N, C-alpha and C. Protein backbone atom coordinates (compact mmCIF):
# COMPACT_ATOMS: atom_id res chain seq x y z
N MET A 1 -16.72 58.49 4.41
CA MET A 1 -15.24 59.93 4.79
C MET A 1 -14.65 59.90 3.24
N ALA A 2 -14.46 60.93 3.16
CA ALA A 2 -13.77 60.42 1.64
C ALA A 2 -12.08 60.25 1.88
N ARG A 3 -11.44 59.35 1.88
CA ARG A 3 -10.10 59.31 1.68
C ARG A 3 -9.33 59.99 1.01
N LEU A 4 -8.34 60.49 1.44
CA LEU A 4 -7.10 61.22 0.75
C LEU A 4 -6.57 60.80 0.37
N SER A 5 -5.80 61.52 -0.71
CA SER A 5 -5.11 60.86 -2.18
C SER A 5 -3.43 61.83 -1.30
N PRO A 6 -2.47 60.59 -1.94
CA PRO A 6 -1.19 60.18 -1.04
C PRO A 6 -0.19 61.38 -1.37
N TRP A 7 -0.45 62.50 -2.39
CA TRP A 7 -0.08 63.38 -3.02
C TRP A 7 -0.05 64.95 -2.48
N VAL A 8 -1.12 64.38 -0.84
CA VAL A 8 -1.74 65.45 -0.63
C VAL A 8 -0.33 65.40 0.47
N PHE A 9 0.01 64.75 0.99
CA PHE A 9 1.16 64.32 2.71
C PHE A 9 2.26 64.19 1.45
N VAL A 10 2.77 63.98 0.06
CA VAL A 10 3.70 64.43 -0.65
C VAL A 10 4.07 65.81 -0.59
N GLY A 11 2.33 66.69 -1.03
CA GLY A 11 2.72 68.00 -1.08
C GLY A 11 3.22 69.13 -0.03
N MET A 12 2.56 68.21 1.55
CA MET A 12 3.23 68.43 2.92
C MET A 12 4.24 68.21 2.99
N GLY A 13 4.40 67.34 2.95
CA GLY A 13 6.27 67.51 3.14
C GLY A 13 7.20 67.99 2.06
N CYS A 14 6.64 68.53 1.27
CA CYS A 14 8.01 69.49 0.03
C CYS A 14 7.77 70.33 1.35
N LEU A 15 6.18 70.60 1.11
CA LEU A 15 6.15 72.09 1.50
C LEU A 15 7.34 72.52 3.26
N GLY A 16 6.95 71.23 3.95
CA GLY A 16 7.78 71.44 5.16
C GLY A 16 9.28 71.51 4.84
N VAL A 17 10.12 70.40 3.94
CA VAL A 17 11.24 70.90 3.52
C VAL A 17 11.71 72.38 2.64
N MET A 18 10.73 72.90 2.19
CA MET A 18 10.77 74.11 1.71
C MET A 18 10.81 75.06 2.99
N ALA A 19 10.45 75.15 3.40
CA ALA A 19 10.11 76.18 4.36
C ALA A 19 11.51 75.90 5.80
N LEU A 20 11.71 74.23 5.78
CA LEU A 20 12.98 74.19 6.46
C LEU A 20 14.07 74.85 5.97
N GLY A 21 14.61 74.68 4.44
CA GLY A 21 15.09 75.25 3.55
C GLY A 21 15.30 77.18 3.69
N ILE A 22 14.23 77.43 3.49
CA ILE A 22 13.96 79.02 3.27
C ILE A 22 14.67 79.46 5.45
N LEU A 23 14.07 78.78 6.47
CA LEU A 23 14.85 79.39 7.05
C LEU A 23 16.27 78.89 7.40
N ALA A 24 16.70 77.58 7.00
CA ALA A 24 17.84 77.95 7.10
C ALA A 24 18.87 78.84 5.51
N ILE A 25 18.43 79.27 4.98
CA ILE A 25 18.97 80.36 4.11
C ILE A 25 18.68 81.25 5.15
N GLY A 26 18.22 81.79 5.46
CA GLY A 26 17.72 83.29 6.20
C GLY A 26 18.68 83.15 7.53
N GLY A 27 18.93 81.64 8.42
CA GLY A 27 19.46 82.14 9.37
C GLY A 27 21.21 82.29 8.77
N VAL A 28 21.76 81.64 7.92
CA VAL A 28 23.20 81.85 7.40
C VAL A 28 23.25 83.19 7.25
N GLY A 29 22.00 84.25 6.44
CA GLY A 29 22.17 85.15 5.83
C GLY A 29 22.32 85.74 7.15
N LEU A 30 21.66 85.77 8.07
CA LEU A 30 21.63 86.56 9.61
C LEU A 30 22.96 86.36 10.13
N VAL A 31 24.02 85.30 9.98
CA VAL A 31 25.15 85.19 10.85
C VAL A 31 26.46 85.79 10.17
N VAL A 32 26.03 85.40 8.15
CA VAL A 32 26.77 86.84 7.34
C VAL A 32 27.06 87.77 7.65
N THR A 33 25.12 88.29 7.84
CA THR A 33 25.79 89.48 7.52
C THR A 33 25.64 90.63 9.59
N ASN A 34 25.39 89.51 10.33
CA ASN A 34 26.18 90.21 11.46
C ASN A 34 27.72 90.12 11.88
N THR A 35 28.20 89.25 11.21
CA THR A 35 29.62 88.81 11.05
C THR A 35 30.42 90.22 10.55
N LEU A 36 29.80 90.54 8.92
CA LEU A 36 29.84 91.60 8.65
C LEU A 36 30.19 92.82 9.36
N LYS A 37 29.09 92.92 9.54
CA LYS A 37 28.69 94.31 10.79
C LYS A 37 29.84 94.31 11.72
N GLU A 38 29.99 92.97 12.91
CA GLU A 38 31.02 93.32 13.82
C GLU A 38 32.75 93.48 13.06
N GLU A 39 32.72 92.57 12.00
CA GLU A 39 34.20 92.68 12.01
C GLU A 39 34.74 94.37 11.38
N LEU A 40 33.93 94.62 10.55
CA LEU A 40 33.60 96.50 9.85
C LEU A 40 34.33 97.65 11.32
N VAL A 41 33.28 96.93 12.09
CA VAL A 41 33.91 98.08 13.68
C VAL A 41 34.81 97.70 14.45
N ARG A 42 35.24 96.26 14.45
CA ARG A 42 36.20 95.63 15.52
C ARG A 42 37.81 97.23 15.50
N PRO A 43 38.43 97.18 16.54
CA PRO A 43 39.32 97.70 16.39
C PRO A 43 40.39 97.12 15.20
N LEU A 44 41.09 97.99 15.10
CA LEU A 44 42.23 97.11 13.70
C LEU A 44 43.32 97.39 14.34
N ASP A 45 44.96 96.28 14.11
CA ASP A 45 45.38 96.51 15.60
C ASP A 45 47.12 97.05 14.03
N LYS A 46 47.05 97.80 13.41
CA LYS A 46 47.50 97.46 12.18
C LYS A 46 48.70 97.27 12.57
N GLN A 47 49.67 96.77 13.46
CA GLN A 47 51.32 96.59 13.96
C GLN A 47 51.51 95.23 14.04
N ALA A 48 50.19 94.79 14.85
CA ALA A 48 49.73 92.99 14.95
C ALA A 48 49.13 92.70 13.52
N LEU A 49 48.64 93.36 12.82
CA LEU A 49 48.38 92.60 11.27
C LEU A 49 49.71 92.40 10.48
N LEU A 50 50.43 93.58 10.04
CA LEU A 50 51.53 94.00 9.83
C LEU A 50 52.72 92.60 9.92
N LYS A 51 52.66 92.29 11.77
CA LYS A 51 53.74 91.54 11.82
C LYS A 51 53.51 89.87 11.44
N ALA A 52 51.93 89.85 11.40
CA ALA A 52 51.69 88.47 10.29
C ALA A 52 51.97 88.47 9.39
N LEU A 53 51.73 89.64 8.77
CA LEU A 53 52.32 89.67 7.22
C LEU A 53 54.20 89.25 6.75
N GLU A 54 54.77 89.45 8.61
CA GLU A 54 56.19 89.45 8.31
C GLU A 54 56.93 88.29 7.10
N GLY A 55 57.81 89.06 6.51
CA GLY A 55 58.11 87.29 5.69
C GLY A 55 58.24 87.74 4.41
N ILE A 56 56.47 88.74 4.71
CA ILE A 56 56.12 88.36 3.10
C ILE A 56 56.76 90.16 2.07
N PRO A 57 57.19 90.42 1.12
CA PRO A 57 57.00 91.77 0.92
C PRO A 57 56.06 92.66 0.69
N ILE A 58 56.57 93.63 1.00
CA ILE A 58 55.65 95.08 0.51
C ILE A 58 55.70 96.00 -0.17
N HIS A 59 55.00 95.63 -1.44
CA HIS A 59 55.70 97.11 -2.57
C HIS A 59 56.11 98.18 -1.99
N PRO A 60 57.59 98.68 -2.13
CA PRO A 60 58.13 100.39 -1.34
C PRO A 60 56.70 101.44 -1.95
N LYS A 61 56.19 101.21 -2.42
CA LYS A 61 55.24 102.69 -2.64
C LYS A 61 53.95 102.23 -2.31
N ALA A 62 53.34 100.60 -1.61
CA ALA A 62 52.40 101.28 -1.05
C ALA A 62 51.84 101.23 0.17
N VAL A 63 50.73 101.92 0.26
CA VAL A 63 50.57 102.52 1.94
C VAL A 63 49.52 101.95 2.01
N PHE A 64 49.31 101.39 3.52
CA PHE A 64 48.16 100.84 4.28
C PHE A 64 47.02 101.67 4.15
N ASP A 65 45.86 100.59 4.06
CA ASP A 65 44.62 101.26 4.01
C ASP A 65 43.73 100.70 4.96
N GLU A 66 43.16 101.16 6.11
CA GLU A 66 42.89 100.68 7.01
C GLU A 66 41.54 100.32 6.49
N GLN A 67 40.47 101.16 5.78
CA GLN A 67 39.31 101.01 5.34
C GLN A 67 39.09 100.05 4.28
N GLN A 68 40.15 99.99 3.75
CA GLN A 68 39.93 98.67 2.88
C GLN A 68 40.38 97.01 3.34
N THR A 69 41.12 97.33 4.53
CA THR A 69 41.51 96.03 5.11
C THR A 69 40.57 95.75 5.52
N ARG A 70 39.66 96.26 6.37
CA ARG A 70 38.39 96.28 7.17
C ARG A 70 37.77 95.13 6.39
N THR A 71 37.91 95.93 5.33
CA THR A 71 36.69 95.30 3.97
C THR A 71 36.75 93.99 3.49
N ALA A 72 38.64 94.45 3.57
CA ALA A 72 38.46 92.25 2.84
C ALA A 72 38.74 91.62 4.49
N ARG A 73 39.47 92.15 5.10
CA ARG A 73 39.42 91.15 6.51
C ARG A 73 37.98 90.36 6.78
N SER A 74 37.11 91.86 6.49
CA SER A 74 34.98 90.84 6.75
C SER A 74 35.28 89.11 5.87
N GLY A 75 35.33 89.54 4.85
CA GLY A 75 35.62 88.68 3.95
C GLY A 75 36.66 87.41 4.48
N SER A 76 37.76 87.33 4.90
CA SER A 76 38.37 86.30 5.21
C SER A 76 37.84 86.07 6.76
N VAL A 77 37.69 87.15 7.19
CA VAL A 77 36.63 86.01 9.02
C VAL A 77 35.40 85.12 8.48
N MET A 78 35.01 85.32 7.42
CA MET A 78 33.61 84.93 6.87
C MET A 78 33.74 83.74 6.91
N ALA A 79 34.94 83.69 6.21
CA ALA A 79 35.65 81.98 4.87
C ALA A 79 36.37 81.39 6.62
N THR A 80 36.84 81.70 7.73
CA THR A 80 37.61 81.04 8.83
C THR A 80 36.47 80.47 9.79
N LYS A 81 35.35 81.47 9.27
CA LYS A 81 33.74 80.61 10.15
C LYS A 81 33.42 79.04 9.31
N PHE A 82 33.54 79.31 8.87
CA PHE A 82 32.92 77.54 7.31
C PHE A 82 34.42 77.15 7.88
N ILE A 83 35.78 77.62 7.72
CA ILE A 83 36.43 75.77 6.78
C ILE A 83 38.07 76.91 8.60
N LYS A 84 38.28 75.83 8.91
CA LYS A 84 39.15 76.01 9.69
C LYS A 84 40.92 76.13 9.14
N LEU A 85 41.01 77.66 9.17
CA LEU A 85 41.90 78.26 8.73
C LEU A 85 42.31 79.49 9.13
N GLU A 86 43.85 79.64 9.29
CA GLU A 86 44.43 81.00 9.73
C GLU A 86 45.06 81.43 8.61
N MET A 87 44.14 83.36 8.35
CA MET A 87 44.04 83.64 7.53
C MET A 87 44.25 85.27 7.89
N THR A 88 45.33 86.06 6.71
CA THR A 88 45.44 87.65 7.20
C THR A 88 45.50 88.46 5.69
N THR A 89 44.55 89.16 6.35
CA THR A 89 44.19 89.82 5.35
C THR A 89 45.17 91.46 5.40
N ALA A 90 45.54 92.01 4.16
CA ALA A 90 45.66 93.63 4.57
C ALA A 90 45.56 94.03 3.05
N ALA A 91 44.56 95.63 2.92
CA ALA A 91 45.01 96.20 1.65
C ALA A 91 46.07 97.71 2.18
N PHE A 92 46.67 97.99 0.53
CA PHE A 92 47.62 98.65 0.24
C PHE A 92 46.79 99.94 -0.78
N GLN A 93 46.88 100.97 -0.82
CA GLN A 93 46.68 102.29 -1.74
C GLN A 93 48.03 102.28 -2.27
N LEU A 94 48.43 102.56 -3.91
CA LEU A 94 49.59 102.71 -4.18
C LEU A 94 49.18 103.09 -5.78
N ASP A 95 49.88 104.09 -5.82
CA ASP A 95 49.71 104.54 -7.10
C ASP A 95 51.24 104.08 -8.42
N VAL A 96 51.01 102.70 -9.15
CA VAL A 96 51.68 102.50 -9.74
C VAL A 96 50.88 101.74 -10.63
N PRO A 97 51.26 101.54 -11.69
CA PRO A 97 50.61 100.38 -13.13
C PRO A 97 50.54 99.49 -12.41
N GLU A 98 49.18 98.50 -12.61
CA GLU A 98 49.38 96.58 -11.89
C GLU A 98 50.15 96.12 -12.60
N GLN A 99 50.22 95.93 -13.98
CA GLN A 99 51.77 95.13 -14.18
C GLN A 99 52.90 95.48 -13.85
N GLU A 100 53.57 96.44 -13.59
CA GLU A 100 54.54 96.63 -12.26
C GLU A 100 54.58 95.47 -11.11
N VAL A 101 53.22 96.52 -10.89
CA VAL A 101 53.12 95.64 -9.11
C VAL A 101 53.18 93.97 -9.30
N ARG A 102 52.51 93.69 -10.22
CA ARG A 102 52.76 92.24 -10.34
C ARG A 102 54.43 91.80 -11.12
N ASP A 103 54.62 92.49 -11.91
CA ASP A 103 56.08 92.14 -12.38
C ASP A 103 57.41 92.45 -11.06
N TRP A 104 56.67 93.54 -10.27
CA TRP A 104 57.91 93.31 -8.83
C TRP A 104 57.17 92.23 -8.18
N TYR A 105 56.43 91.48 -8.25
CA TYR A 105 56.07 90.64 -6.99
C TYR A 105 56.76 89.28 -7.47
N LYS A 106 56.69 89.00 -8.82
CA LYS A 106 57.03 88.17 -9.49
C LYS A 106 58.65 87.34 -9.41
N LYS A 107 58.93 89.15 -9.35
CA LYS A 107 60.96 89.28 -9.12
C LYS A 107 61.21 88.91 -7.65
N THR A 108 60.39 89.60 -6.85
CA THR A 108 60.96 89.45 -5.10
C THR A 108 60.54 88.30 -4.37
N MET A 109 59.29 88.00 -4.44
CA MET A 109 58.94 86.90 -3.69
C MET A 109 59.78 85.32 -4.09
N PRO A 110 60.47 85.49 -4.92
CA PRO A 110 61.37 84.71 -4.76
C PRO A 110 62.30 84.35 -3.92
N GLU A 111 62.84 86.07 -4.03
CA GLU A 111 63.50 85.94 -3.22
C GLU A 111 63.39 85.70 -1.92
N HIS A 112 62.22 85.84 -1.25
CA HIS A 112 62.06 85.44 -0.23
C HIS A 112 61.46 84.21 -0.03
N GLY A 113 61.75 83.49 -0.36
CA GLY A 113 61.67 81.89 -0.45
C GLY A 113 60.22 81.49 -1.20
N TYR A 114 60.23 82.30 -1.63
CA TYR A 114 58.46 82.11 -2.08
C TYR A 114 58.50 81.57 -3.87
N GLN A 115 57.56 80.11 -4.22
CA GLN A 115 57.35 80.20 -5.19
C GLN A 115 56.15 80.20 -6.31
N GLN A 116 56.00 80.81 -7.40
CA GLN A 116 54.83 80.82 -8.02
C GLN A 116 54.14 80.06 -8.24
N VAL A 117 52.40 80.13 -8.01
CA VAL A 117 52.38 78.50 -8.33
C VAL A 117 50.95 78.91 -9.89
N ASP A 118 50.94 79.64 -9.98
CA ASP A 118 49.52 80.36 -10.74
C ASP A 118 49.82 81.38 -11.93
N ALA A 119 51.25 80.63 -12.49
CA ALA A 119 52.07 81.89 -13.96
C ALA A 119 50.55 82.54 -14.53
N GLY A 120 49.69 81.64 -15.36
CA GLY A 120 48.70 82.28 -15.74
C GLY A 120 47.39 82.85 -15.58
N ASN A 121 47.51 82.86 -14.17
CA ASN A 121 46.38 83.83 -13.71
C ASN A 121 46.32 85.70 -14.40
N GLN A 122 45.08 86.00 -14.33
CA GLN A 122 45.79 87.70 -14.77
C GLN A 122 44.68 88.06 -13.66
N LYS A 123 43.71 87.36 -12.68
CA LYS A 123 43.11 88.52 -11.17
C LYS A 123 44.44 88.50 -10.31
N HIS A 124 45.23 87.34 -9.90
CA HIS A 124 46.44 87.50 -8.95
C HIS A 124 47.07 86.61 -9.42
N LEU A 125 47.79 86.81 -8.05
CA LEU A 125 49.26 85.66 -8.18
C LEU A 125 48.86 85.10 -6.38
N THR A 126 49.57 83.94 -7.14
CA THR A 126 49.67 83.40 -5.78
C THR A 126 50.91 82.40 -5.31
N PHE A 127 51.76 82.57 -4.36
CA PHE A 127 52.82 81.65 -4.42
C PHE A 127 52.49 81.19 -2.65
N VAL A 128 53.27 80.17 -2.58
CA VAL A 128 53.58 78.84 -1.69
C VAL A 128 55.19 79.14 -1.01
N ASN A 129 55.07 78.68 -0.02
CA ASN A 129 56.58 78.26 1.00
C ASN A 129 56.24 77.32 1.48
N LYS A 130 56.94 76.61 2.40
CA LYS A 130 56.43 75.88 2.73
C LYS A 130 54.88 75.78 4.53
N THR A 131 54.91 76.81 4.49
CA THR A 131 53.80 76.85 5.59
C THR A 131 52.73 77.49 4.77
N ASP A 132 52.67 78.32 3.89
CA ASP A 132 51.90 79.15 3.48
C ASP A 132 51.82 80.08 2.44
N GLN A 133 50.65 79.96 1.83
CA GLN A 133 49.85 80.51 0.77
C GLN A 133 50.11 82.02 0.70
N VAL A 134 50.30 82.76 -0.35
CA VAL A 134 50.30 84.59 -0.17
C VAL A 134 49.26 84.47 -1.95
N LEU A 135 48.32 85.21 -1.33
CA LEU A 135 47.64 86.08 -2.93
C LEU A 135 48.10 87.05 -2.46
N ILE A 136 48.37 87.36 -3.80
CA ILE A 136 48.60 88.92 -4.05
C ILE A 136 47.65 89.38 -4.95
N SER A 137 46.24 89.99 -4.36
CA SER A 137 45.60 90.97 -5.75
C SER A 137 46.05 92.26 -6.25
N SER A 138 45.81 92.66 -7.36
CA SER A 138 46.13 94.55 -7.35
C SER A 138 44.78 94.65 -8.84
N GLY A 139 45.02 96.52 -8.29
CA GLY A 139 44.33 97.15 -9.40
C GLY A 139 45.24 97.78 -10.08
N LYS A 140 44.58 99.01 -10.73
CA LYS A 140 44.57 100.50 -10.49
C LYS A 140 45.75 101.04 -9.96
N SER A 141 44.66 101.05 -8.43
CA SER A 141 45.37 101.77 -7.69
C SER A 141 45.22 101.68 -5.78
N TRP A 142 45.29 99.67 -6.39
CA TRP A 142 45.19 98.95 -4.91
C TRP A 142 45.50 97.94 -5.00
N LEU A 143 46.25 97.30 -3.73
CA LEU A 143 46.86 96.03 -3.33
C LEU A 143 46.08 95.21 -2.51
N ASN A 144 45.87 94.30 -2.44
CA ASN A 144 45.56 92.94 -1.83
C ASN A 144 46.71 92.17 -0.60
N ILE A 145 46.90 91.42 -0.01
CA ILE A 145 47.76 91.00 0.50
C ILE A 145 47.22 90.21 1.65
N THR A 146 46.66 88.37 0.70
CA THR A 146 46.05 87.50 1.87
C THR A 146 47.43 86.35 2.74
N ARG A 147 47.60 86.21 3.05
CA ARG A 147 48.30 85.15 3.95
C ARG A 147 47.46 84.06 4.60
N MET A 148 47.73 82.46 4.30
CA MET A 148 47.05 81.64 4.17
C MET A 148 47.85 80.70 4.77
N LYS A 149 47.67 80.46 6.24
CA LYS A 149 49.01 79.53 6.85
C LYS A 149 48.25 78.14 6.22
N LEU A 150 49.16 77.14 5.85
CA LEU A 150 48.93 76.02 5.05
C LEU A 150 48.75 74.59 6.45
N PRO A 151 47.14 73.69 5.94
CA PRO A 151 46.96 73.44 7.45
C PRO A 151 48.14 72.03 8.07
N GLY A 152 48.36 71.96 9.17
CA GLY A 152 48.99 70.67 9.55
C GLY A 152 50.47 71.97 9.36
N THR A 153 50.78 73.45 9.30
CA THR A 153 51.93 73.73 9.75
C THR A 153 52.08 75.11 10.77
N ASN A 154 53.13 75.21 11.80
CA ASN A 154 52.86 76.39 12.31
C ASN A 154 53.89 77.82 12.21
């Protein structure tokens, strides 16, 4: 009887590891897909959401956008599944030039006790105070506001 080469066992081990990796990726993909689907159809309590953003100024020309908020919120929910983090996200529509929105927040957030921490970032503005980090993202006709409670604060 011929003796099997050790490389056969190495190959079988590698095949097993690869199969487990594929199953793990598929499992994570399934969790992500199901969570996003659930989040997009879950009822949205606009008043509770805006209350969670209390203390953060909202641009006077911004109009709450429920569908975009659902979409943005689904990403936040995914993040909080993997990282213990309290996060609130809301999306708005507005017809104001992007630079004007950025300038308004740069002026207004310090008046509400926030300090800007990313002065050079062109994609979004980040502000912090003692308990929160606030991310302001804007584009041609949209505005997203995300508040994250800093760990160890209430």
